[in-house]
Amino acid sequence: MEQFKRGLNQFWVGAVFGVCFAIALVLIPVAIIMSNINDVLKIHEVSVLVKKVSTAFDKTEQALEKAKTALVDFDNEVVMEVLTAVQSYQQQTQPLFSAEQKQALKTKVKAQLTEKLKVTLTEQQVTFLLTVFEKLAESKKGAEQLPENTTLN
């Protein structure tokens, strides 16, 4: 009977070891395959991210090149005229309440600015500066920081 108990114990130890060994033989390749799949997915994510970043960089580079081209031959007076127009618009819109009034004022100031800029600048430069005017006029701070003695003639 003693030998039977020892044999039974050895059987269970062997059976448990065999089952664990079989599971390990199955799980190790599965883990390796899953790791490779995970690596491939990460590589794909990185390549997509790199493509997006390079596209954004190219677009930014093109925008900077256009801005650089548009900014050629600008002098301080032209820039001050744009900033003065923004400041004038900001100051005159404070008492206005309706969007129509603000839009009409913006159109008026923009027309005045366009007339001044067309005398000395190319069409591309005027368009660029009008875009700058639009962005600054729509911002909350706008040209509030400019000196008070600058006005739009």
C-alpha atoms as a PDB file:
ATOM      1  CA  MET A   1       0.000   0.000   0.000  1.00  0.00           C
ATOM      2  CA  GLU A   2       2.881   2.315   0.793  1.00  0.00           C
ATOM      3  CA  GLN A   3       4.341   1.853  -2.656  1.00  0.00           C
ATOM      4  CA  PHE A   4       0.949   2.523  -4.199  1.00  0.00           C
ATOM      5  CA  LYS A   5       0.681   5.857  -2.345  1.00  0.00           C
ATOM      6  CA  ARG A   6       4.190   6.820  -3.422  1.00  0.00           C
ATOM      7  CA  GLY A   7       3.407   5.843  -6.996  1.00  0.00           C
ATOM      8  CA  LEU A   8       0.163   7.820  -6.910  1.00  0.00           C
ATOM      9  CA  ASN A   9       1.980  10.884  -5.567  1.00  0.00           C
ATOM     10  CA  GLN A  10       4.608  10.561  -8.264  1.00  0.00           C
ATOM     11  CA  PHE A  11       1.851  10.214 -10.830  1.00  0.00           C
ATOM     12  CA  TRP A  12       0.157  13.459  -9.701  1.00  0.00           C
ATOM     13  CA  VAL A  13       3.452  15.308  -9.543  1.00  0.00           C
ATOM     14  CA  GLY A  14       4.239  14.113 -13.048  1.00  0.00           C
ATOM     15  CA  ALA A  15       0.743  14.918 -14.287  1.00  0.00           C
ATOM     16  CA  VAL A  16       0.835  18.458 -12.879  1.00  0.00           C
ATOM     17  CA  PHE A  17       4.344  18.956 -14.266  1.00  0.00           C
ATOM     18  CA  GLY A  18       3.244  17.617 -17.643  1.00  0.00           C
ATOM     19  CA  VAL A  19       0.200  19.887 -17.781  1.00  0.00           C
ATOM     20  CA  CYS A  20       2.291  22.925 -16.789  1.00  0.00           C
ATOM     21  CA  PHE A  21       4.913  21.991 -19.360  1.00  0.00           C
ATOM     22  CA  ALA A  22       2.267  21.586 -22.065  1.00  0.00           C
ATOM     23  CA  ILE A  23       0.708  24.935 -21.213  1.00  0.00           C
ATOM     24  CA  ALA A  24       4.141  26.578 -21.279  1.00  0.00           C
ATOM     25  CA  LEU A  25       4.866  25.013 -24.671  1.00  0.00           C
ATOM     26  CA  VAL A  26       1.627  26.519 -26.001  1.00  0.00           C
ATOM     27  CA  LEU A  27       1.781  29.887 -24.246  1.00  0.00           C
ATOM     28  CA  ILE A  28       5.396  30.751 -25.084  1.00  0.00           C
ATOM     29  CA  PRO A  29       4.853  30.714 -28.880  1.00  0.00           C
ATOM     30  CA  VAL A  30       1.537  32.530 -28.449  1.00  0.00           C
ATOM     31  CA  ALA A  31       3.288  35.197 -26.365  1.00  0.00           C
ATOM     32  CA  ILE A  32       6.044  35.538 -28.961  1.00  0.00           C
ATOM     33  CA  ILE A  33       3.503  35.891 -31.760  1.00  0.00           C
ATOM     34  CA  MET A  34       1.452  38.443 -29.782  1.00  0.00           C
ATOM     35  CA  SER A  35       4.623  40.396 -29.010  1.00  0.00           C
ATOM     36  CA  ASN A  36       5.518  40.475 -32.711  1.00  0.00           C
ATOM     37  CA  ILE A  37       1.993  41.575 -33.618  1.00  0.00           C
ATOM     38  CA  ASN A  38       2.180  44.287 -30.971  1.00  0.00           C
ATOM     39  CA  ASP A  39       5.554  45.446 -32.330  1.00  0.00           C
ATOM     40  CA  VAL A  40       4.173  45.570 -35.866  1.00  0.00           C
ATOM     41  CA  LEU A  41       1.180  47.599 -34.705  1.00  0.00           C
ATOM     42  CA  LYS A  42       3.448  50.013 -32.850  1.00  0.00           C
ATOM     43  CA  ILE A  43       5.647  50.381 -35.916  1.00  0.00           C
ATOM     44  CA  HIS A  44       2.551  51.110 -37.984  1.00  0.00           C
ATOM     45  CA  GLU A  45       1.347  53.692 -35.422  1.00  0.00           C
ATOM     46  CA  VAL A  46       4.754  55.360 -35.425  1.00  0.00           C
ATOM     47  CA  SER A  47       4.882  55.462 -39.218  1.00  0.00           C
ATOM     48  CA  VAL A  48       1.394  57.012 -39.354  1.00  0.00           C
ATOM     49  CA  LEU A  49       2.429  59.543 -36.727  1.00  0.00           C
ATOM     50  CA  VAL A  50       5.631  60.361 -38.630  1.00  0.00           C
ATOM     51  CA  LYS A  51       3.624  60.868 -41.825  1.00  0.00           C
ATOM     52  CA  LYS A  52       1.215  63.217 -40.037  1.00  0.00           C
ATOM     53  CA  VAL A  53       4.046  65.190 -38.452  1.00  0.00           C
ATOM     54  CA  SER A  54       5.933  65.468 -41.740  1.00  0.00           C
ATOM     55  CA  THR A  55       2.757  66.607 -43.523  1.00  0.00           C
ATOM     56  CA  ALA A  56       2.120  69.224 -40.833  1.00  0.00           C
ATOM     57  CA  PHE A  57       5.748  70.305 -41.029  1.00  0.00           C
ATOM     58  CA  ASP A  58       5.555  70.634 -44.822  1.00  0.00           C
ATOM     59  CA  LYS A  59       2.349  72.670 -44.591  1.00  0.00           C
ATOM     60  CA  THR A  60       3.884  74.912 -41.941  1.00  0.00           C
ATOM     61  CA  GLU A  61       7.022  75.307 -44.017  1.00  0.00           C
ATOM     62  CA  GLN A  62       4.940  76.255 -47.062  1.00  0.00           C
ATOM     63  CA  ALA A  63       2.899  78.742 -45.029  1.00  0.00           C
ATOM     64  CA  LEU A  64       6.076  80.287 -43.640  1.00  0.00           C
ATOM     65  CA  GLU A  65       7.545  80.502 -47.128  1.00  0.00           C
ATOM     66  CA  LYS A  66       4.401  82.242 -48.397  1.00  0.00           C
ATOM     67  CA  ALA A  67       4.457  84.611 -45.438  1.00  0.00           C
ATOM     68  CA  LYS A  68       8.146  85.269 -45.969  1.00  0.00           C
ATOM     69  CA  THR A  69       7.505  86.027 -49.644  1.00  0.00           C
ATOM     70  CA  ALA A  70       4.584  88.263 -48.743  1.00  0.00           C
ATOM     71  CA  LEU A  71       6.601  90.093 -46.107  1.00  0.00           C
ATOM     72  CA  VAL A  72       9.400  91.060 -48.484  1.00  0.00           C
ATOM     73  CA  ASP A  73       9.798  94.822 -48.813  1.00  0.00           C
ATOM     74  CA  PHE A  74       7.523  95.672 -45.895  1.00  0.00           C
ATOM     75  CA  ASP A  75       8.621  98.675 -43.971  1.00  0.00           C
ATOM     76  CA  ASN A  76       7.640  99.709 -40.470  1.00  0.00           C
ATOM     77  CA  GLU A  77       5.082 102.215 -41.729  1.00  0.00           C
ATOM     78  CA  VAL A  78       3.047  99.535 -43.508  1.00  0.00           C
ATOM     79  CA  VAL A  79       3.024  97.295 -40.446  1.00  0.00           C
ATOM     80  CA  MET A  80       2.059 100.236 -38.250  1.00  0.00           C
ATOM     81  CA  GLU A  81      -0.822 101.063 -40.616  1.00  0.00           C
ATOM     82  CA  VAL A  82      -2.194  97.536 -40.201  1.00  0.00           C
ATOM     83  CA  LEU A  83      -1.803  97.608 -36.441  1.00  0.00           C
ATOM     84  CA  THR A  84      -3.319 101.083 -36.299  1.00  0.00           C
ATOM     85  CA  ALA A  85      -6.297  99.864 -38.325  1.00  0.00           C
ATOM     86  CA  VAL A  86      -6.739  96.983 -35.882  1.00  0.00           C
ATOM     87  CA  GLN A  87      -6.550  99.323 -32.925  1.00  0.00           C
ATOM     88  CA  SER A  88      -9.002 101.719 -34.504  1.00  0.00           C
ATOM     89  CA  TYR A  89     -11.421  98.872 -35.162  1.00  0.00           C
ATOM     90  CA  GLN A  90     -11.050  97.552 -31.611  1.00  0.00           C
ATOM     91  CA  GLN A  91     -11.678 100.976 -30.078  1.00  0.00           C
ATOM     92  CA  GLN A  92     -14.679 101.735 -32.265  1.00  0.00           C
ATOM     93  CA  THR A  93     -16.350  98.345 -31.698  1.00  0.00           C
ATOM     94  CA  GLN A  94     -16.431  98.641 -27.922  1.00  0.00           C
ATOM     95  CA  PRO A  95     -19.666 100.710 -27.850  1.00  0.00           C
ATOM     96  CA  LEU A  96     -21.245  98.663 -30.690  1.00  0.00           C
ATOM     97  CA  PHE A  97     -23.525  95.816 -29.725  1.00  0.00           C
ATOM     98  CA  SER A  98     -24.823  94.135 -32.858  1.00  0.00           C
ATOM     99  CA  ALA A  99     -22.790  91.908 -35.119  1.00  0.00           C
ATOM    100  CA  GLU A 100     -24.035  93.829 -38.165  1.00  0.00           C
ATOM    101  CA  GLN A 101     -22.623  97.102 -36.806  1.00  0.00           C
ATOM    102  CA  LYS A 102     -19.286  95.475 -36.065  1.00  0.00           C
ATOM    103  CA  GLN A 103     -19.167  93.857 -39.513  1.00  0.00           C
ATOM    104  CA  ALA A 104     -19.991  97.177 -41.214  1.00  0.00           C
ATOM    105  CA  LEU A 105     -17.240  98.907 -39.246  1.00  0.00           C
ATOM    106  CA  LYS A 106     -14.769  96.150 -40.088  1.00  0.00           C
ATOM    107  CA  THR A 107     -15.619  96.460 -43.785  1.00  0.00           C
ATOM    108  CA  LYS A 108     -15.145 100.237 -43.635  1.00  0.00           C
ATOM    109  CA  VAL A 109     -11.771 100.018 -41.826  1.00  0.00           C
ATOM    110  CA  LYS A 110     -10.666  97.227 -44.155  1.00  0.00           C
ATOM    111  CA  ALA A 111     -11.543  99.322 -47.220  1.00  0.00           C
ATOM    112  CA  GLN A 112      -9.550 102.275 -45.860  1.00  0.00           C
ATOM    113  CA  LEU A 113      -6.599 100.021 -45.117  1.00  0.00           C
ATOM    114  CA  THR A 114      -6.797  98.439 -48.575  1.00  0.00           C
ATOM    115  CA  GLU A 115      -6.672 101.848 -50.240  1.00  0.00           C
ATOM    116  CA  LYS A 116      -3.587 102.824 -48.246  1.00  0.00           C
ATOM    117  CA  LEU A 117      -1.774  99.542 -48.863  1.00  0.00           C
ATOM    118  CA  LYS A 118      -2.485  99.269 -52.614  1.00  0.00           C
ATOM    119  CA  VAL A 119      -0.422 102.380 -53.222  1.00  0.00           C
ATOM    120  CA  THR A 120       2.857 100.763 -52.198  1.00  0.00           C
ATOM    121  CA  LEU A 121       2.346  96.986 -52.129  1.00  0.00           C
ATOM    122  CA  THR A 122       1.600  94.118 -54.486  1.00  0.00           C
ATOM    123  CA  GLU A 123      -1.754  92.325 -54.524  1.00  0.00           C
ATOM    124  CA  GLN A 124      -0.281  89.311 -52.705  1.00  0.00           C
ATOM    125  CA  GLN A 125       1.149  91.507 -49.956  1.00  0.00           C
ATOM    126  CA  VAL A 126      -2.139  93.404 -49.566  1.00  0.00           C
ATOM    127  CA  THR A 127      -4.032  90.112 -49.281  1.00  0.00           C
ATOM    128  CA  PHE A 128      -1.597  88.859 -46.670  1.00  0.00           C
ATOM    129  CA  LEU A 129      -1.858  92.042 -44.601  1.00  0.00           C
ATOM    130  CA  LEU A 130      -5.657  92.007 -44.805  1.00  0.00           C
ATOM    131  CA  THR A 131      -5.556  88.441 -43.473  1.00  0.00           C
ATOM    132  CA  VAL A 132      -3.354  89.636 -40.611  1.00  0.00           C
ATOM    133  CA  PHE A 133      -5.842  92.449 -39.969  1.00  0.00           C
ATOM    134  CA  GLU A 134      -8.738  89.952 -39.872  1.00  0.00           C
ATOM    135  CA  LYS A 135      -6.952  87.668 -37.407  1.00  0.00           C
ATOM    136  CA  LEU A 136      -5.921  90.506 -35.118  1.00  0.00           C
ATOM    137  CA  ALA A 137      -9.332  92.191 -35.301  1.00  0.00           C
ATOM    138  CA  GLU A 138     -11.058  88.954 -34.289  1.00  0.00           C
ATOM    139  CA  SER A 139      -8.733  88.257 -31.377  1.00  0.00           C
ATOM    140  CA  LYS A 140      -9.756  89.248 -27.883  1.00  0.00           C
ATOM    141  CA  LYS A 141      -6.689  91.364 -27.229  1.00  0.00           C
ATOM    142  CA  GLY A 142      -6.201  92.661 -30.759  1.00  0.00           C
ATOM    143  CA  ALA A 143      -4.055  95.735 -30.743  1.00  0.00           C
ATOM    144  CA  GLU A 144      -4.958  96.911 -27.227  1.00  0.00           C
ATOM    145  CA  GLN A 145      -1.273  96.985 -26.345  1.00  0.00           C
ATOM    146  CA  LEU A 146      -0.409  99.561 -29.021  1.00  0.00           C
ATOM    147  CA  PRO A 147       0.390 103.129 -28.000  1.00  0.00           C
ATOM    148  CA  GLU A 148      -2.681 105.352 -27.815  1.00  0.00           C
ATOM    149  CA  ASN A 149      -1.243 108.058 -30.107  1.00  0.00           C
ATOM    150  CA  THR A 150      -1.546 105.909 -33.244  1.00  0.00           C
ATOM    151  CA  THR A 151      -4.736 106.489 -35.211  1.00  0.00           C
ATOM    152  CA  LEU A 152      -6.123 105.563 -38.592  1.00  0.00           C
ATOM    153  CA  ASN A 153      -6.233 108.557 -40.912  1.00  0.00           C
END
